[in-house]
Amino acid sequence: MELRALRGLAVIVVESGERLGEVSDALIDPQERRVAALRVRRGGRFRGNLSDVSFSELQSIGPDAVMLPQREVLRPASDGERTTLRIDEFVGLRVVTERGEAQGTVDDAEFDPVSGALTTVVIAPPGIGGLLGRRRTVPIAQVRTIGRDAVVLHEIGSGEREDERQPGTEHPSVSADAD
């Protein structure tokens, strides 16, 4: 599932069937490379109260709703130690290689809806390619560091290539070329 697809999903309590609000953001732990929590807006798009729910306390995430086992798993929203990144802080980060070569900017990321682990980072290349909607998907194993200012990629070894995708196509993965 893509990170940006979380926004706007209904948040529903399984125990009562009550709709508590909608997902307004995800909090990403860059060290653990996972979604740590979801931020829920309750009571309206512009004037609602914000609450957080730890990813480990979710019952499930589906294509149309986030399911909570009970309403008590919600906690008042806080910035805490600011060790996490919000979606808007993550998307747009500069992406560079270990050698300092610009690769573009983070456009999105995919994560496992069961564990919250990031699985890929979607990169918009620099220049006209990024403007034309070309995107490249990089497996999380190729990411060396996710920082507040940049994402650093490991160098690609010989025999590997990164594929590009056009808007609306599936995310290809890195594969080995047969020589």
N, C-alpha and C. Protein backbone atom coordinates (compact mmCIF):
# COMPACT_ATOMS: atom_id res chain seq x y z
N MET A 1 0.84 -1.17 0.00
CA MET A 1 0.00 0.00 0.00
C MET A 1 0.89 1.24 0.00
N GLU A 2 0.48 2.28 -0.72
CA GLU A 2 1.25 3.51 -0.76
C GLU A 2 0.92 4.41 0.44
N LEU A 3 1.94 5.09 0.94
CA LEU A 3 1.75 5.99 2.09
C LEU A 3 0.67 7.02 1.83
N ARG A 4 0.73 7.68 0.68
CA ARG A 4 -0.22 8.76 0.42
C ARG A 4 -1.65 8.25 0.27
N ALA A 5 -1.82 6.96 0.00
CA ALA A 5 -3.16 6.38 -0.11
C ALA A 5 -3.86 6.28 1.24
N LEU A 6 -3.09 6.42 2.33
CA LEU A 6 -3.68 6.36 3.67
C LEU A 6 -4.58 7.56 3.96
N ARG A 7 -4.19 8.73 3.45
CA ARG A 7 -4.94 9.95 3.75
C ARG A 7 -6.38 9.84 3.28
N GLY A 8 -7.26 10.19 4.19
CA GLY A 8 -8.67 10.18 3.87
C GLY A 8 -9.38 8.88 4.16
N LEU A 9 -8.65 7.80 4.49
CA LEU A 9 -9.31 6.54 4.82
C LEU A 9 -10.13 6.71 6.09
N ALA A 10 -11.31 6.14 6.09
CA ALA A 10 -12.16 6.15 7.28
C ALA A 10 -11.48 5.34 8.38
N VAL A 11 -11.66 5.75 9.63
CA VAL A 11 -11.16 5.02 10.79
C VAL A 11 -12.39 4.53 11.55
N ILE A 12 -12.52 3.20 11.64
CA ILE A 12 -13.72 2.58 12.20
C ILE A 12 -13.35 1.64 13.34
N VAL A 13 -14.16 1.65 14.39
CA VAL A 13 -13.96 0.76 15.54
C VAL A 13 -14.71 -0.54 15.28
N VAL A 14 -14.00 -1.65 15.30
CA VAL A 14 -14.60 -2.96 15.05
C VAL A 14 -15.62 -3.29 16.13
N GLU A 15 -15.28 -3.00 17.38
CA GLU A 15 -16.12 -3.35 18.53
C GLU A 15 -17.52 -2.72 18.45
N SER A 16 -17.61 -1.48 17.95
CA SER A 16 -18.90 -0.77 17.95
C SER A 16 -19.41 -0.38 16.56
N GLY A 17 -18.55 -0.45 15.55
CA GLY A 17 -18.94 -0.02 14.22
C GLY A 17 -18.94 1.50 14.07
N GLU A 18 -18.43 2.20 15.05
CA GLU A 18 -18.40 3.67 15.05
C GLU A 18 -17.28 4.18 14.15
N ARG A 19 -17.62 5.20 13.34
CA ARG A 19 -16.61 5.88 12.52
C ARG A 19 -16.05 7.02 13.36
N LEU A 20 -14.75 6.94 13.67
CA LEU A 20 -14.13 7.94 14.54
C LEU A 20 -13.59 9.14 13.79
N GLY A 21 -13.35 9.00 12.52
CA GLY A 21 -12.78 10.09 11.73
C GLY A 21 -12.09 9.53 10.52
N GLU A 22 -11.02 10.23 10.10
CA GLU A 22 -10.27 9.76 8.94
C GLU A 22 -8.78 9.96 9.18
N VAL A 23 -7.98 9.20 8.44
CA VAL A 23 -6.53 9.31 8.54
C VAL A 23 -6.11 10.64 7.92
N SER A 24 -5.36 11.43 8.67
CA SER A 24 -4.86 12.69 8.13
C SER A 24 -3.36 12.63 7.84
N ASP A 25 -2.66 11.68 8.45
CA ASP A 25 -1.22 11.59 8.23
C ASP A 25 -0.70 10.25 8.74
N ALA A 26 0.52 9.93 8.34
CA ALA A 26 1.24 8.78 8.88
C ALA A 26 2.54 9.29 9.46
N LEU A 27 2.99 8.69 10.53
CA LEU A 27 4.25 9.05 11.18
C LEU A 27 5.25 7.92 10.90
N ILE A 28 6.32 8.27 10.20
CA ILE A 28 7.29 7.29 9.74
C ILE A 28 8.51 7.33 10.65
N ASP A 29 8.93 6.17 11.13
CA ASP A 29 10.15 6.06 11.93
C ASP A 29 11.30 5.78 10.96
N PRO A 30 12.16 6.77 10.70
CA PRO A 30 13.22 6.58 9.71
C PRO A 30 14.27 5.56 10.13
N GLN A 31 14.51 5.39 11.42
CA GLN A 31 15.49 4.41 11.89
C GLN A 31 14.99 2.98 11.70
N GLU A 32 13.73 2.78 12.03
CA GLU A 32 13.13 1.44 11.92
C GLU A 32 12.60 1.16 10.52
N ARG A 33 12.48 2.23 9.70
CA ARG A 33 11.97 2.11 8.33
C ARG A 33 10.58 1.51 8.30
N ARG A 34 9.72 2.13 9.11
CA ARG A 34 8.35 1.64 9.20
C ARG A 34 7.40 2.75 9.57
N VAL A 35 6.12 2.50 9.33
CA VAL A 35 5.09 3.42 9.78
C VAL A 35 4.90 3.16 11.28
N ALA A 36 5.16 4.17 12.09
CA ALA A 36 5.09 4.01 13.54
C ALA A 36 3.68 4.25 14.06
N ALA A 37 2.97 5.19 13.44
CA ALA A 37 1.64 5.55 13.93
C ALA A 37 0.85 6.23 12.81
N LEU A 38 -0.45 6.26 12.99
CA LEU A 38 -1.33 7.01 12.10
C LEU A 38 -1.94 8.16 12.88
N ARG A 39 -2.08 9.29 12.24
CA ARG A 39 -2.73 10.45 12.84
C ARG A 39 -4.17 10.47 12.33
N VAL A 40 -5.11 10.61 13.25
CA VAL A 40 -6.54 10.56 12.92
C VAL A 40 -7.17 11.91 13.22
N ARG A 41 -7.89 12.44 12.24
CA ARG A 41 -8.64 13.68 12.43
C ARG A 41 -10.08 13.31 12.76
N ARG A 42 -10.55 13.81 13.89
CA ARG A 42 -11.91 13.54 14.36
C ARG A 42 -12.71 14.84 14.36
N GLY A 43 -13.90 14.82 13.80
CA GLY A 43 -14.79 15.96 13.90
C GLY A 43 -14.76 16.95 12.77
N GLY A 44 -14.16 16.65 11.65
CA GLY A 44 -14.18 17.57 10.53
C GLY A 44 -12.81 17.87 9.99
N ARG A 45 -12.75 18.17 8.71
CA ARG A 45 -11.48 18.34 8.01
C ARG A 45 -10.68 19.54 8.51
N PHE A 46 -11.33 20.63 8.88
CA PHE A 46 -10.59 21.85 9.24
C PHE A 46 -10.59 22.15 10.73
N ARG A 47 -11.57 21.63 11.47
CA ARG A 47 -11.65 21.98 12.89
C ARG A 47 -11.58 20.77 13.80
N GLY A 48 -11.23 19.63 13.28
CA GLY A 48 -11.27 18.42 14.08
C GLY A 48 -10.10 18.30 15.05
N ASN A 49 -10.29 17.43 16.02
CA ASN A 49 -9.24 17.08 16.97
C ASN A 49 -8.34 16.03 16.35
N LEU A 50 -7.06 16.09 16.67
CA LEU A 50 -6.12 15.09 16.16
C LEU A 50 -5.77 14.10 17.25
N SER A 51 -5.74 12.84 16.87
CA SER A 51 -5.33 11.75 17.76
C SER A 51 -4.34 10.88 17.01
N ASP A 52 -3.51 10.15 17.75
CA ASP A 52 -2.57 9.21 17.16
C ASP A 52 -2.93 7.80 17.61
N VAL A 53 -2.66 6.86 16.73
CA VAL A 53 -2.79 5.45 17.09
C VAL A 53 -1.53 4.74 16.62
N SER A 54 -0.90 4.02 17.53
CA SER A 54 0.31 3.27 17.21
C SER A 54 -0.02 2.20 16.17
N PHE A 55 0.87 2.00 15.22
CA PHE A 55 0.62 1.01 14.17
C PHE A 55 0.39 -0.36 14.78
N SER A 56 1.09 -0.67 15.86
CA SER A 56 0.97 -1.99 16.49
C SER A 56 -0.41 -2.22 17.11
N GLU A 57 -1.17 -1.14 17.33
CA GLU A 57 -2.49 -1.28 17.93
C GLU A 57 -3.63 -1.30 16.91
N LEU A 58 -3.30 -1.20 15.62
CA LEU A 58 -4.33 -1.29 14.59
C LEU A 58 -4.81 -2.73 14.47
N GLN A 59 -6.08 -2.90 14.15
CA GLN A 59 -6.55 -4.25 13.86
C GLN A 59 -6.20 -4.60 12.42
N SER A 60 -6.46 -3.68 11.48
CA SER A 60 -6.11 -3.92 10.09
C SER A 60 -6.25 -2.63 9.29
N ILE A 61 -5.64 -2.67 8.10
CA ILE A 61 -5.78 -1.58 7.13
C ILE A 61 -6.26 -2.22 5.84
N GLY A 62 -7.37 -1.72 5.33
CA GLY A 62 -7.89 -2.21 4.07
C GLY A 62 -7.90 -1.10 3.04
N PRO A 63 -8.38 -1.36 1.84
CA PRO A 63 -8.37 -0.35 0.79
C PRO A 63 -9.33 0.81 1.07
N ASP A 64 -10.31 0.59 1.97
CA ASP A 64 -11.33 1.61 2.22
C ASP A 64 -11.38 2.12 3.65
N ALA A 65 -10.73 1.43 4.58
CA ALA A 65 -10.82 1.85 5.98
C ALA A 65 -9.68 1.27 6.80
N VAL A 66 -9.39 2.00 7.88
CA VAL A 66 -8.47 1.53 8.92
C VAL A 66 -9.35 1.06 10.07
N MET A 67 -9.12 -0.15 10.53
CA MET A 67 -9.95 -0.73 11.57
C MET A 67 -9.20 -0.76 12.90
N LEU A 68 -9.85 -0.22 13.93
CA LEU A 68 -9.30 -0.23 15.28
C LEU A 68 -10.08 -1.24 16.11
N PRO A 69 -9.42 -1.95 17.02
CA PRO A 69 -10.14 -2.92 17.83
C PRO A 69 -11.12 -2.24 18.80
N GLN A 70 -10.72 -1.07 19.32
CA GLN A 70 -11.57 -0.31 20.24
C GLN A 70 -11.10 1.14 20.22
N ARG A 71 -11.95 2.05 20.66
CA ARG A 71 -11.62 3.48 20.58
C ARG A 71 -10.51 3.89 21.55
N GLU A 72 -10.29 3.10 22.59
CA GLU A 72 -9.29 3.43 23.61
C GLU A 72 -7.85 3.38 23.11
N VAL A 73 -7.61 2.84 21.91
CA VAL A 73 -6.24 2.81 21.38
C VAL A 73 -5.81 4.19 20.87
N LEU A 74 -6.75 5.12 20.71
CA LEU A 74 -6.41 6.49 20.29
C LEU A 74 -5.80 7.26 21.45
N ARG A 75 -4.75 8.02 21.16
CA ARG A 75 -4.09 8.88 22.15
C ARG A 75 -4.06 10.29 21.60
N PRO A 76 -4.02 11.31 22.46
CA PRO A 76 -3.90 12.68 21.96
C PRO A 76 -2.64 12.81 21.09
N ALA A 77 -2.76 13.51 19.98
CA ALA A 77 -1.63 13.69 19.07
C ALA A 77 -0.54 14.50 19.75
N SER A 78 0.70 14.11 19.50
CA SER A 78 1.82 14.87 20.04
C SER A 78 2.99 14.78 19.08
N ASP A 79 3.88 15.73 19.16
CA ASP A 79 5.08 15.69 18.33
C ASP A 79 6.15 14.87 19.01
N GLY A 80 5.95 14.54 20.27
CA GLY A 80 6.90 13.69 20.99
C GLY A 80 8.31 14.20 20.86
N GLU A 81 9.22 13.29 20.59
CA GLU A 81 10.63 13.64 20.46
C GLU A 81 10.97 14.10 19.04
N ARG A 82 9.99 14.10 18.16
CA ARG A 82 10.20 14.47 16.76
C ARG A 82 11.21 13.54 16.10
N THR A 83 11.13 12.28 16.43
CA THR A 83 11.99 11.30 15.78
C THR A 83 11.33 10.73 14.54
N THR A 84 10.05 11.05 14.33
CA THR A 84 9.33 10.55 13.17
C THR A 84 9.19 11.64 12.11
N LEU A 85 8.88 11.20 10.90
CA LEU A 85 8.61 12.10 9.78
C LEU A 85 7.16 11.95 9.37
N ARG A 86 6.49 13.07 9.16
CA ARG A 86 5.14 13.03 8.60
C ARG A 86 5.26 12.79 7.09
N ILE A 87 4.17 12.38 6.44
CA ILE A 87 4.21 12.12 5.01
C ILE A 87 4.79 13.30 4.25
N ASP A 88 4.31 14.52 4.55
CA ASP A 88 4.78 15.70 3.83
C ASP A 88 6.25 16.03 4.10
N GLU A 89 6.78 15.55 5.21
CA GLU A 89 8.21 15.74 5.48
C GLU A 89 9.06 14.71 4.73
N PHE A 90 8.50 13.53 4.51
CA PHE A 90 9.20 12.45 3.82
C PHE A 90 9.14 12.65 2.30
N VAL A 91 7.93 12.86 1.79
CA VAL A 91 7.76 13.11 0.35
C VAL A 91 8.42 14.44 0.03
N GLY A 92 9.25 14.44 -0.98
CA GLY A 92 9.97 15.65 -1.35
C GLY A 92 11.41 15.67 -0.87
N LEU A 93 11.79 14.72 0.01
CA LEU A 93 13.20 14.66 0.43
C LEU A 93 14.09 14.41 -0.78
N ARG A 94 15.23 15.03 -0.79
CA ARG A 94 16.22 14.83 -1.83
C ARG A 94 16.77 13.40 -1.70
N VAL A 95 17.01 12.74 -2.84
CA VAL A 95 17.57 11.40 -2.85
C VAL A 95 18.94 11.46 -3.54
N VAL A 96 19.96 10.98 -2.85
CA VAL A 96 21.32 10.98 -3.38
C VAL A 96 21.95 9.60 -3.14
N THR A 97 22.99 9.30 -3.93
CA THR A 97 23.73 8.06 -3.70
C THR A 97 24.83 8.33 -2.70
N GLU A 98 25.49 7.26 -2.27
CA GLU A 98 26.63 7.39 -1.36
C GLU A 98 27.75 8.22 -1.99
N ARG A 99 27.78 8.28 -3.28
CA ARG A 99 28.80 9.08 -3.99
C ARG A 99 28.38 10.52 -4.19
N GLY A 100 27.19 10.87 -3.71
CA GLY A 100 26.73 12.24 -3.83
C GLY A 100 26.06 12.56 -5.15
N GLU A 101 25.58 11.56 -5.88
CA GLU A 101 24.91 11.76 -7.16
C GLU A 101 23.42 11.91 -6.91
N ALA A 102 22.85 13.01 -7.38
CA ALA A 102 21.42 13.27 -7.21
C ALA A 102 20.60 12.26 -8.00
N GLN A 103 19.60 11.70 -7.36
CA GLN A 103 18.71 10.73 -8.00
C GLN A 103 17.30 11.27 -8.17
N GLY A 104 16.98 12.38 -7.52
CA GLY A 104 15.65 12.96 -7.60
C GLY A 104 15.11 13.25 -6.21
N THR A 105 13.80 13.12 -6.07
CA THR A 105 13.15 13.35 -4.78
C THR A 105 12.18 12.21 -4.48
N VAL A 106 11.91 12.00 -3.20
CA VAL A 106 10.94 10.99 -2.79
C VAL A 106 9.56 11.45 -3.25
N ASP A 107 8.86 10.57 -3.97
CA ASP A 107 7.51 10.86 -4.44
C ASP A 107 6.47 10.14 -3.58
N ASP A 108 6.83 8.98 -3.06
CA ASP A 108 5.93 8.18 -2.21
C ASP A 108 6.75 7.02 -1.68
N ALA A 109 6.11 6.15 -0.95
CA ALA A 109 6.72 4.90 -0.49
C ALA A 109 5.61 3.89 -0.35
N GLU A 110 5.98 2.63 -0.45
CA GLU A 110 5.02 1.56 -0.21
C GLU A 110 5.40 0.89 1.11
N PHE A 111 4.38 0.38 1.80
CA PHE A 111 4.62 -0.29 3.07
C PHE A 111 3.73 -1.51 3.17
N ASP A 112 4.12 -2.43 4.04
CA ASP A 112 3.34 -3.63 4.31
C ASP A 112 2.22 -3.26 5.28
N PRO A 113 0.94 -3.41 4.87
CA PRO A 113 -0.15 -3.00 5.75
C PRO A 113 -0.32 -3.87 7.00
N VAL A 114 0.37 -4.97 7.08
CA VAL A 114 0.29 -5.82 8.27
C VAL A 114 1.36 -5.41 9.29
N SER A 115 2.59 -5.22 8.84
CA SER A 115 3.69 -4.91 9.76
C SER A 115 4.02 -3.42 9.84
N GLY A 116 3.66 -2.67 8.80
CA GLY A 116 4.03 -1.26 8.74
C GLY A 116 5.40 -1.02 8.15
N ALA A 117 6.14 -2.08 7.83
CA ALA A 117 7.49 -1.95 7.29
C ALA A 117 7.46 -1.32 5.90
N LEU A 118 8.34 -0.32 5.69
CA LEU A 118 8.49 0.24 4.35
C LEU A 118 9.09 -0.84 3.46
N THR A 119 8.57 -0.97 2.24
CA THR A 119 9.07 -1.98 1.32
C THR A 119 9.78 -1.37 0.12
N THR A 120 9.33 -0.20 -0.32
CA THR A 120 9.95 0.49 -1.44
C THR A 120 9.85 2.00 -1.24
N VAL A 121 10.73 2.71 -1.94
CA VAL A 121 10.66 4.16 -2.02
C VAL A 121 10.47 4.50 -3.49
N VAL A 122 9.49 5.35 -3.78
CA VAL A 122 9.22 5.78 -5.15
C VAL A 122 9.91 7.13 -5.35
N ILE A 123 10.75 7.20 -6.38
CA ILE A 123 11.57 8.38 -6.61
C ILE A 123 11.17 9.05 -7.92
N ALA A 124 10.96 10.36 -7.86
CA ALA A 124 10.76 11.18 -9.06
C ALA A 124 12.14 11.65 -9.49
N PRO A 125 12.56 11.32 -10.72
CA PRO A 125 13.90 11.73 -11.14
C PRO A 125 14.01 13.24 -11.30
N PRO A 126 15.25 13.76 -11.25
CA PRO A 126 15.41 15.19 -11.45
C PRO A 126 15.12 15.57 -12.91
N GLY A 127 14.81 16.81 -13.11
CA GLY A 127 14.64 17.32 -14.47
C GLY A 127 13.31 16.98 -15.10
N ILE A 128 13.30 16.91 -16.41
CA ILE A 128 12.07 16.75 -17.18
C ILE A 128 11.38 15.41 -16.90
N GLY A 129 12.18 14.37 -16.60
CA GLY A 129 11.59 13.06 -16.31
C GLY A 129 10.64 13.10 -15.13
N GLY A 130 11.02 13.83 -14.09
CA GLY A 130 10.15 13.96 -12.93
C GLY A 130 8.90 14.74 -13.24
N LEU A 131 9.04 15.75 -14.07
CA LEU A 131 7.88 16.56 -14.46
C LEU A 131 6.91 15.79 -15.34
N LEU A 132 7.43 14.83 -16.11
CA LEU A 132 6.59 14.04 -17.00
C LEU A 132 5.93 12.86 -16.29
N GLY A 133 6.17 12.72 -15.02
CA GLY A 133 5.51 11.66 -14.25
C GLY A 133 6.26 10.35 -14.21
N ARG A 134 7.47 10.31 -14.74
CA ARG A 134 8.25 9.07 -14.64
C ARG A 134 8.65 8.86 -13.18
N ARG A 135 8.56 7.65 -12.74
CA ARG A 135 8.92 7.32 -11.36
C ARG A 135 9.75 6.05 -11.36
N ARG A 136 10.63 5.95 -10.40
CA ARG A 136 11.47 4.78 -10.23
C ARG A 136 11.22 4.23 -8.84
N THR A 137 11.09 2.94 -8.75
CA THR A 137 10.85 2.29 -7.46
C THR A 137 12.13 1.59 -7.01
N VAL A 138 12.53 1.88 -5.77
CA VAL A 138 13.75 1.33 -5.21
C VAL A 138 13.38 0.50 -3.99
N PRO A 139 13.85 -0.75 -3.90
CA PRO A 139 13.57 -1.56 -2.71
C PRO A 139 14.20 -0.92 -1.47
N ILE A 140 13.57 -1.08 -0.35
CA ILE A 140 14.04 -0.46 0.89
C ILE A 140 15.45 -0.96 1.25
N ALA A 141 15.81 -2.16 0.82
CA ALA A 141 17.15 -2.68 1.10
C ALA A 141 18.24 -1.84 0.43
N GLN A 142 17.88 -1.11 -0.63
CA GLN A 142 18.87 -0.27 -1.30
C GLN A 142 19.03 1.08 -0.61
N VAL A 143 18.14 1.39 0.35
CA VAL A 143 18.22 2.66 1.08
C VAL A 143 19.19 2.50 2.23
N ARG A 144 20.21 3.34 2.24
CA ARG A 144 21.18 3.30 3.33
C ARG A 144 20.69 4.10 4.52
N THR A 145 20.19 5.33 4.27
CA THR A 145 19.79 6.23 5.33
C THR A 145 18.54 7.00 4.94
N ILE A 146 17.63 7.14 5.89
CA ILE A 146 16.51 8.07 5.74
C ILE A 146 16.74 9.14 6.80
N GLY A 147 17.03 10.34 6.35
CA GLY A 147 17.30 11.44 7.28
C GLY A 147 16.26 12.53 7.17
N ARG A 148 16.41 13.57 7.95
CA ARG A 148 15.49 14.70 7.92
C ARG A 148 15.65 15.54 6.66
N ASP A 149 16.83 15.47 6.04
CA ASP A 149 17.12 16.32 4.88
C ASP A 149 17.30 15.54 3.59
N ALA A 150 17.62 14.27 3.67
CA ALA A 150 17.87 13.49 2.45
C ALA A 150 17.72 12.00 2.71
N VAL A 151 17.51 11.27 1.63
CA VAL A 151 17.54 9.81 1.62
C VAL A 151 18.81 9.44 0.86
N VAL A 152 19.63 8.58 1.46
CA VAL A 152 20.88 8.16 0.84
C VAL A 152 20.74 6.71 0.39
N LEU A 153 21.07 6.46 -0.88
CA LEU A 153 20.99 5.12 -1.45
C LEU A 153 22.36 4.47 -1.49
N HIS A 154 22.39 3.15 -1.29
CA HIS A 154 23.61 2.38 -1.54
C HIS A 154 23.89 2.46 -3.03
N GLU A 155 25.14 2.31 -3.41
CA GLU A 155 25.49 2.24 -4.83
C GLU A 155 24.91 0.96 -5.41
N ILE A 156 24.48 1.01 -6.66
CA ILE A 156 23.98 -0.18 -7.34
C ILE A 156 25.17 -0.94 -7.87
N GLY A 157 25.22 -2.24 -7.54
CA GLY A 157 26.33 -3.06 -8.01
C GLY A 157 26.21 -3.36 -9.49
N SER A 158 27.29 -3.77 -10.09
CA SER A 158 27.22 -4.12 -11.50
C SER A 158 26.32 -5.33 -11.66
N GLY A 159 25.61 -5.36 -12.76
CA GLY A 159 24.67 -6.45 -13.01
C GLY A 159 23.28 -6.15 -12.53
N GLU A 160 23.08 -5.04 -11.83
CA GLU A 160 21.75 -4.65 -11.38
C GLU A 160 21.32 -3.43 -12.16
N ARG A 161 20.02 -3.27 -12.31
CA ARG A 161 19.49 -2.08 -12.95
C ARG A 161 18.24 -1.65 -12.22
N GLU A 162 17.90 -0.40 -12.38
CA GLU A 162 16.66 0.10 -11.81
C GLU A 162 15.73 0.42 -12.96
N ASP A 163 14.50 0.00 -12.86
CA ASP A 163 13.51 0.23 -13.90
C ASP A 163 12.75 1.50 -13.63
N GLU A 164 12.19 2.07 -14.69
CA GLU A 164 11.33 3.24 -14.56
C GLU A 164 9.91 2.79 -14.81
N ARG A 165 8.98 3.51 -14.28
CA ARG A 165 7.58 3.21 -14.54
C ARG A 165 6.89 4.47 -15.00
N GLN A 166 5.89 4.29 -15.79
CA GLN A 166 5.07 5.40 -16.23
C GLN A 166 3.92 5.56 -15.25
N PRO A 167 3.30 6.74 -15.17
CA PRO A 167 2.18 6.92 -14.25
C PRO A 167 1.10 5.90 -14.50
N GLY A 168 0.58 5.33 -13.42
CA GLY A 168 -0.52 4.37 -13.51
C GLY A 168 -0.07 2.95 -13.75
N THR A 169 1.22 2.68 -13.82
CA THR A 169 1.69 1.32 -14.00
C THR A 169 2.18 0.78 -12.67
N GLU A 170 2.34 -0.53 -12.63
CA GLU A 170 2.81 -1.16 -11.40
C GLU A 170 4.25 -0.77 -11.13
N HIS A 171 4.65 -0.84 -9.88
CA HIS A 171 6.02 -0.53 -9.49
C HIS A 171 6.91 -1.71 -9.82
N PRO A 172 7.85 -1.56 -10.75
CA PRO A 172 8.80 -2.67 -10.98
C PRO A 172 9.82 -2.71 -9.86
N SER A 173 10.51 -3.80 -9.74
CA SER A 173 11.54 -3.89 -8.71
C SER A 173 12.89 -4.04 -9.38
N VAL A 174 13.92 -3.88 -8.59
CA VAL A 174 15.27 -4.05 -9.12
C VAL A 174 15.47 -5.52 -9.43
N SER A 175 16.04 -5.82 -10.59
CA SER A 175 16.28 -7.20 -10.96
C SER A 175 17.66 -7.33 -11.55
N ALA A 176 18.17 -8.54 -11.57
CA ALA A 176 19.50 -8.79 -12.12
C ALA A 176 19.38 -9.01 -13.62
N ASP A 177 20.31 -8.42 -14.36
CA ASP A 177 20.38 -8.65 -15.81
C ASP A 177 21.08 -9.97 -16.06
N ALA A 178 20.62 -10.72 -17.05
CA ALA A 178 21.30 -11.96 -17.42
C ALA A 178 22.35 -11.63 -18.47
N ASP A 179 23.58 -11.94 -18.18
CA ASP A 179 24.67 -11.68 -19.12
C ASP A 179 25.19 -12.95 -19.71
